[in-house]
C-alpha atoms as a PDB file:
ATOM      1  CA  MET A   1      -0.165   0.273  -0.393  1.00  0.00           C
ATOM      2  CA  PRO A   2       1.317   3.776  -1.042  1.00  0.00           C
ATOM      3  CA  ARG A   3       2.317   6.035   2.137  1.00  0.00           C
ATOM      4  CA  ASP A   4       1.482   9.790   1.951  1.00  0.00           C
ATOM      5  CA  HIS A   5       4.366  11.509   2.158  1.00  0.00           C
ATOM      6  CA  LEU A   6       3.692  15.091   3.503  1.00  0.00           C
ATOM      7  CA  ARG A   7       5.985  17.693   3.597  1.00  0.00           C
ATOM      8  CA  PRO A   8       6.708  18.182   7.602  1.00  0.00           C
ATOM      9  CA  GLU A   9       4.963  21.597   7.270  1.00  0.00           C
ATOM     10  CA  ASP A  10       1.738  18.925   6.398  1.00  0.00           C
ATOM     11  CA  GLN A  11       2.558  17.366   9.588  1.00  0.00           C
ATOM     12  CA  SER A  12       3.131  19.551  11.062  1.00  0.00           C
ATOM     13  CA  GLU A  13       0.457  21.352  10.957  1.00  0.00           C
ATOM     14  CA  PRO A  14      -2.246  20.034  13.455  1.00  0.00           C
ATOM     15  CA  ALA A  15       0.249  19.623  15.868  1.00  0.00           C
ATOM     16  CA  ASN A  16       0.707  23.515  15.343  1.00  0.00           C
ATOM     17  CA  GLU A  17      -3.233  24.297  15.988  1.00  0.00           C
ATOM     18  CA  ALA A  18      -2.861  22.362  19.330  1.00  0.00           C
ATOM     19  CA  ALA A  19      -1.009  23.804  20.470  1.00  0.00           C
ATOM     20  CA  ARG A  20      -2.388  27.209  19.803  1.00  0.00           C
ATOM     21  CA  GLU A  21      -5.257  25.935  21.405  1.00  0.00           C
ATOM     22  CA  ARG A  22      -3.794  24.927  24.672  1.00  0.00           C
ATOM     23  CA  LEU A  23      -1.455  28.750  24.672  1.00  0.00           C
ATOM     24  CA  ASP A  24      -5.269  30.629  23.752  1.00  0.00           C
ATOM     25  CA  ALA A  25      -6.802  28.487  26.760  1.00  0.00           C
ATOM     26  CA  GLU A  26      -4.189  29.078  28.975  1.00  0.00           C
ATOM     27  CA  LEU A  27      -4.203  33.054  28.401  1.00  0.00           C
ATOM     28  CA  LYS A  28      -8.145  33.266  28.633  1.00  0.00           C
ATOM     29  CA  ARG A  29      -7.106  30.988  32.343  1.00  0.00           C
ATOM     30  CA  ALA A  30      -4.662  33.379  33.067  1.00  0.00           C
ATOM     31  CA  LEU A  31      -6.669  36.231  31.929  1.00  0.00           C
ATOM     32  CA  TRP A  32      -9.831  35.377  34.060  1.00  0.00           C
ATOM     33  CA  ALA A  33      -7.286  34.724  37.277  1.00  0.00           C
ATOM     34  CA  GLN A  34      -5.846  38.515  37.585  1.00  0.00           C
ATOM     35  CA  GLN A  35      -9.178  39.210  36.841  1.00  0.00           C
ATOM     36  CA  ALA A  36     -10.991  37.861  40.067  1.00  0.00           C
ATOM     37  CA  SER A  37      -7.463  38.944  41.881  1.00  0.00           C
ATOM     38  CA  ARG A  38      -8.372  42.285  41.217  1.00  0.00           C
ATOM     39  CA  SER A  39     -11.774  41.934  42.568  1.00  0.00           C
ATOM     40  CA  TRP A  40     -10.697  40.475  45.032  1.00  0.00           C
ATOM     41  CA  ALA A  41      -8.617  43.193  46.311  1.00  0.00           C
ATOM     42  CA  ALA A  42     -10.960  45.614  45.095  1.00  0.00           C
ATOM     43  CA  LEU A  43     -13.266  44.386  47.464  1.00  0.00           C
ATOM     44  CA  THR A  44     -10.675  44.036  50.285  1.00  0.00           C
ATOM     45  CA  ALA A  45      -9.476  47.516  49.817  1.00  0.00           C
ATOM     46  CA  ALA A  46     -13.515  48.599  50.308  1.00  0.00           C
ATOM     47  CA  LYS A  47     -14.076  46.214  53.366  1.00  0.00           C
ATOM     48  CA  LYS A  48     -11.316  47.700  55.203  1.00  0.00           C
ATOM     49  CA  LEU A  49     -13.050  51.148  53.915  1.00  0.00           C
ATOM     50  CA  GLN A  50     -15.588  50.420  56.009  1.00  0.00           C
ATOM     51  CA  PRO A  51     -15.417  47.514  58.805  1.00  0.00           C
ATOM     52  CA  ASN A  52     -19.327  47.345  59.268  1.00  0.00           C
ATOM     53  CA  LEU A  53     -19.559  45.186  56.545  1.00  0.00           C
END
């Protein structure tokens, strides 16, 4: 049975796409964590200004 002779660029394309998707997901998680941290800091600062909360 003959084998398909793919160029190295064609073979690496699915791997590159998977790596891009993983990087995108990691960047989204980092952005979410940054936003959550800022929100928590703002909430903490607001509570220190009003200790009766």
